[in-house]
Amino acid sequence: MEAIRDREKFHGFRLLMLSDEPMVAKGWFASADVNKFGRPGAIDPQAIDRPDGSYDVIIICCHLLSHVADHRRALVELMRVLSPQGLLFVSYPSPATREATTDWGQPDPARHNQYRILGRDFEQEYQKLLPDSFVIAVKAADPVTAEDDLVYLLTRNFFWTRQATAAGLDSRLI
């Protein structure tokens, strides 16, 4: 996020974080809604009670898409509440090393109530679900494991694809 951040744009942007991980400084934004998924009163990413285009930057991390019953619906909803100039940052564990998604269709208590583990094959779903969006896969070192992994940037605005390219990131358009 630091590599592609446009300080001037971010200063006026509205942030939604669906985790409390310190991905960005809330002070970068005009407003910040930090909403830890799974806590009482938290936003349900499958049915977000906000108007279209409510946020300019949305960050979902780690296991969110693994913990909702309908991860596809969650992505569509997140893009609905993303503004036309916005950026959605998506991460989930190990798509660089996990080729195929494993979905067992119900929450598994042995796996922290996850419904699935997403693999790199899920990249094919992005364009089916969000045909009017750009999806950028960015290869970067995981700050915890120091191993290379992938994160995904989703947007309807070509500005962010240029930012990822200009920042010298190891990225590709899906």
Protein backbone atom coordinates (compact mmCIF):
# COMPACT_ATOMS: atom_id res chain seq x y z
CA MET A 1 0.00 0.00 0.00
CA GLU A 2 2.84 2.37 0.77
CA ALA A 3 4.34 1.76 -2.69
CA ILE A 4 1.19 2.75 -4.58
CA ARG A 5 -0.28 5.32 -2.22
CA ASP A 6 -0.99 8.68 -3.76
CA ARG A 7 -0.76 10.98 -0.72
CA GLU A 8 -2.91 13.71 -2.23
CA LYS A 9 -5.71 11.31 -3.23
CA PHE A 10 -5.61 9.31 -0.01
CA HIS A 11 -5.93 12.46 2.08
CA GLY A 12 -9.49 12.91 0.77
CA PHE A 13 -10.41 9.20 0.66
CA ARG A 14 -12.77 7.22 2.88
CA LEU A 15 -11.34 3.93 4.21
CA LEU A 16 -13.12 0.73 5.18
CA MET A 17 -11.00 -1.93 6.87
CA LEU A 18 -12.60 -5.29 7.55
CA SER A 19 -9.85 -6.31 9.95
CA ASP A 20 -7.88 -4.60 12.65
CA GLU A 21 -4.51 -5.49 11.16
CA PRO A 22 -2.20 -2.48 10.81
CA MET A 23 -2.10 -2.47 7.00
CA VAL A 24 -2.27 1.32 6.69
CA ALA A 25 -2.27 4.33 8.98
CA LYS A 26 -5.80 5.63 9.49
CA GLY A 27 -4.36 9.15 9.38
CA TRP A 28 -3.73 8.72 5.64
CA PHE A 29 -7.47 9.13 5.02
CA ALA A 30 -10.25 11.70 5.47
CA SER A 31 -12.22 9.05 7.40
CA ALA A 32 -11.60 5.48 8.52
CA ASP A 33 -14.19 2.84 9.35
CA VAL A 34 -12.41 -0.10 10.99
CA ASN A 35 -14.89 -2.91 11.25
CA LYS A 36 -13.52 -6.24 12.48
CA PHE A 37 -15.40 -9.00 10.69
CA GLY A 38 -17.09 -11.47 13.01
CA ARG A 39 -17.49 -9.15 15.98
CA PRO A 40 -20.97 -8.12 17.17
CA GLY A 41 -22.34 -5.27 15.06
CA ALA A 42 -19.68 -5.68 12.37
CA ILE A 43 -20.45 -5.23 8.68
CA ASP A 44 -21.52 -8.41 6.91
CA PRO A 45 -19.41 -8.33 3.72
CA GLN A 46 -22.08 -10.41 1.94
CA ALA A 47 -24.75 -7.71 2.52
CA ILE A 48 -23.18 -4.32 3.26
CA ASP A 49 -25.63 -1.79 4.65
CA ARG A 50 -24.02 1.18 2.89
CA PRO A 51 -24.86 3.08 -0.31
CA ASP A 52 -23.03 2.38 -3.56
CA GLY A 53 -19.62 4.06 -3.72
CA SER A 54 -19.38 4.70 0.04
CA TYR A 55 -15.64 4.01 0.29
CA ASP A 56 -12.55 4.89 -1.72
CA VAL A 57 -10.19 2.30 -0.23
CA ILE A 58 -11.32 -1.04 1.17
CA ILE A 59 -8.90 -3.46 2.78
CA ILE A 60 -9.78 -7.06 3.52
CA CYS A 61 -7.09 -9.24 4.94
CA CYS A 62 -6.22 -12.78 5.73
CA HIS A 63 -9.14 -15.08 6.16
CA LEU A 64 -12.23 -12.95 5.50
CA LEU A 65 -13.11 -14.63 2.19
CA SER A 66 -12.50 -17.99 3.84
CA HIS A 67 -14.91 -17.23 6.69
CA VAL A 68 -18.02 -16.13 4.81
CA ALA A 69 -20.54 -18.56 3.37
CA ASP A 70 -20.64 -16.79 -0.01
CA HIS A 71 -17.23 -15.32 -0.80
CA ARG A 72 -18.28 -14.48 -4.35
CA ARG A 73 -21.21 -12.40 -3.10
CA ALA A 74 -18.87 -10.68 -0.63
CA LEU A 75 -16.54 -9.58 -3.45
CA VAL A 76 -19.43 -8.24 -5.51
CA GLU A 77 -20.75 -6.33 -2.47
CA LEU A 78 -17.33 -4.89 -1.68
CA MET A 79 -16.98 -3.62 -5.24
CA ARG A 80 -20.50 -2.15 -5.05
CA VAL A 81 -19.58 0.04 -2.07
CA LEU A 82 -16.24 0.99 -3.64
CA SER A 83 -16.24 4.40 -5.32
CA PRO A 84 -15.41 4.67 -9.04
CA GLN A 85 -11.92 6.01 -8.18
CA GLY A 86 -11.49 3.42 -5.42
CA LEU A 87 -9.15 0.57 -4.66
CA LEU A 88 -9.97 -2.76 -3.01
CA PHE A 89 -7.01 -4.57 -1.42
CA VAL A 90 -7.59 -8.33 -1.02
CA SER A 91 -5.30 -10.81 0.65
CA TYR A 92 -5.70 -14.39 1.73
CA PRO A 93 -3.15 -16.97 2.83
CA SER A 94 -0.75 -18.52 0.33
CA PRO A 95 -2.23 -18.14 -3.16
CA ALA A 96 1.34 -18.15 -4.49
CA THR A 97 1.87 -21.70 -3.23
CA ARG A 98 -1.70 -23.05 -3.20
CA GLU A 99 -2.79 -23.83 -6.75
CA ALA A 100 -6.37 -24.97 -6.10
CA THR A 101 -9.15 -23.81 -3.81
CA THR A 102 -10.47 -26.32 -1.30
CA ASP A 103 -14.07 -25.59 -0.31
CA TRP A 104 -15.89 -27.86 2.12
CA GLY A 105 -19.18 -25.89 1.96
CA GLN A 106 -19.66 -25.29 5.66
CA PRO A 107 -17.69 -23.80 8.54
CA ASP A 108 -15.13 -26.28 9.83
CA PRO A 109 -14.51 -25.92 13.59
CA ALA A 110 -11.14 -27.66 13.17
CA ARG A 111 -10.10 -24.85 10.80
CA HIS A 112 -11.33 -21.86 12.82
CA ASN A 113 -14.77 -22.08 11.15
CA GLN A 114 -13.43 -21.45 7.66
CA TYR A 115 -15.56 -22.53 4.70
CA ARG A 116 -12.63 -22.76 2.32
CA ILE A 117 -8.99 -22.12 1.59
CA LEU A 118 -8.57 -20.10 -1.60
CA GLY A 119 -5.99 -21.03 -4.17
CA ARG A 120 -4.51 -19.30 -7.19
CA ASP A 121 -7.32 -20.80 -9.31
CA PHE A 122 -9.64 -18.20 -7.77
CA GLU A 123 -7.96 -15.60 -10.00
CA GLN A 124 -10.18 -16.89 -12.83
CA GLU A 125 -13.27 -15.93 -10.81
CA TYR A 126 -12.42 -12.23 -10.52
CA GLN A 127 -13.21 -11.36 -14.14
CA LYS A 128 -16.37 -13.49 -14.11
CA LEU A 129 -17.64 -11.78 -10.96
CA LEU A 130 -16.37 -8.27 -11.70
CA PRO A 131 -16.18 -7.85 -15.49
CA ASP A 132 -15.94 -4.05 -15.28
CA SER A 133 -12.92 -4.15 -12.96
CA PHE A 134 -9.17 -4.33 -13.25
CA VAL A 135 -7.55 -7.01 -11.10
CA ILE A 136 -3.84 -6.74 -10.39
CA ALA A 137 -1.92 -9.59 -8.76
CA VAL A 138 1.08 -8.29 -6.84
CA LYS A 139 3.86 -10.57 -5.70
CA ALA A 140 5.45 -9.43 -2.45
CA ALA A 141 7.12 -10.83 0.64
CA ASP A 142 4.72 -11.69 3.45
CA PRO A 143 5.73 -9.50 6.43
CA VAL A 144 5.25 -12.40 8.87
CA THR A 145 6.77 -15.35 7.00
CA ALA A 146 9.09 -13.35 4.68
CA GLU A 147 8.01 -15.74 1.90
CA ASP A 148 6.79 -14.48 -1.47
CA ASP A 149 3.02 -14.41 -1.76
CA LEU A 150 0.30 -12.69 -3.76
CA VAL A 151 -2.11 -9.90 -2.89
CA TYR A 152 -4.78 -8.55 -5.20
CA LEU A 153 -5.76 -4.99 -6.05
CA LEU A 154 -9.22 -4.53 -7.57
CA THR A 155 -10.41 -1.28 -9.09
CA ARG A 156 -12.52 0.26 -11.84
CA ASN A 157 -9.99 3.08 -12.23
CA PHE A 158 -6.99 2.64 -14.52
CA PHE A 159 -5.02 5.06 -12.30
CA TRP A 160 -4.29 2.22 -9.85
CA THR A 161 -2.97 -0.10 -12.56
CA ARG A 162 -0.54 2.66 -13.57
CA GLN A 163 0.44 3.18 -9.93
CA ALA A 164 1.27 -0.52 -9.48
CA THR A 165 3.34 -0.51 -12.67
CA ALA A 166 5.10 2.78 -11.91
CA ALA A 167 5.92 1.65 -8.37
CA GLY A 168 8.11 -1.11 -9.76
CA LEU A 169 6.03 -3.82 -8.10
CA ASP A 170 6.19 -7.39 -9.33
CA SER A 171 2.63 -7.23 -10.66
CA ARG A 172 0.47 -8.53 -13.47
CA LEU A 173 -2.98 -7.67 -14.74
CA ILE A 174 -5.36 -10.62 -14.55
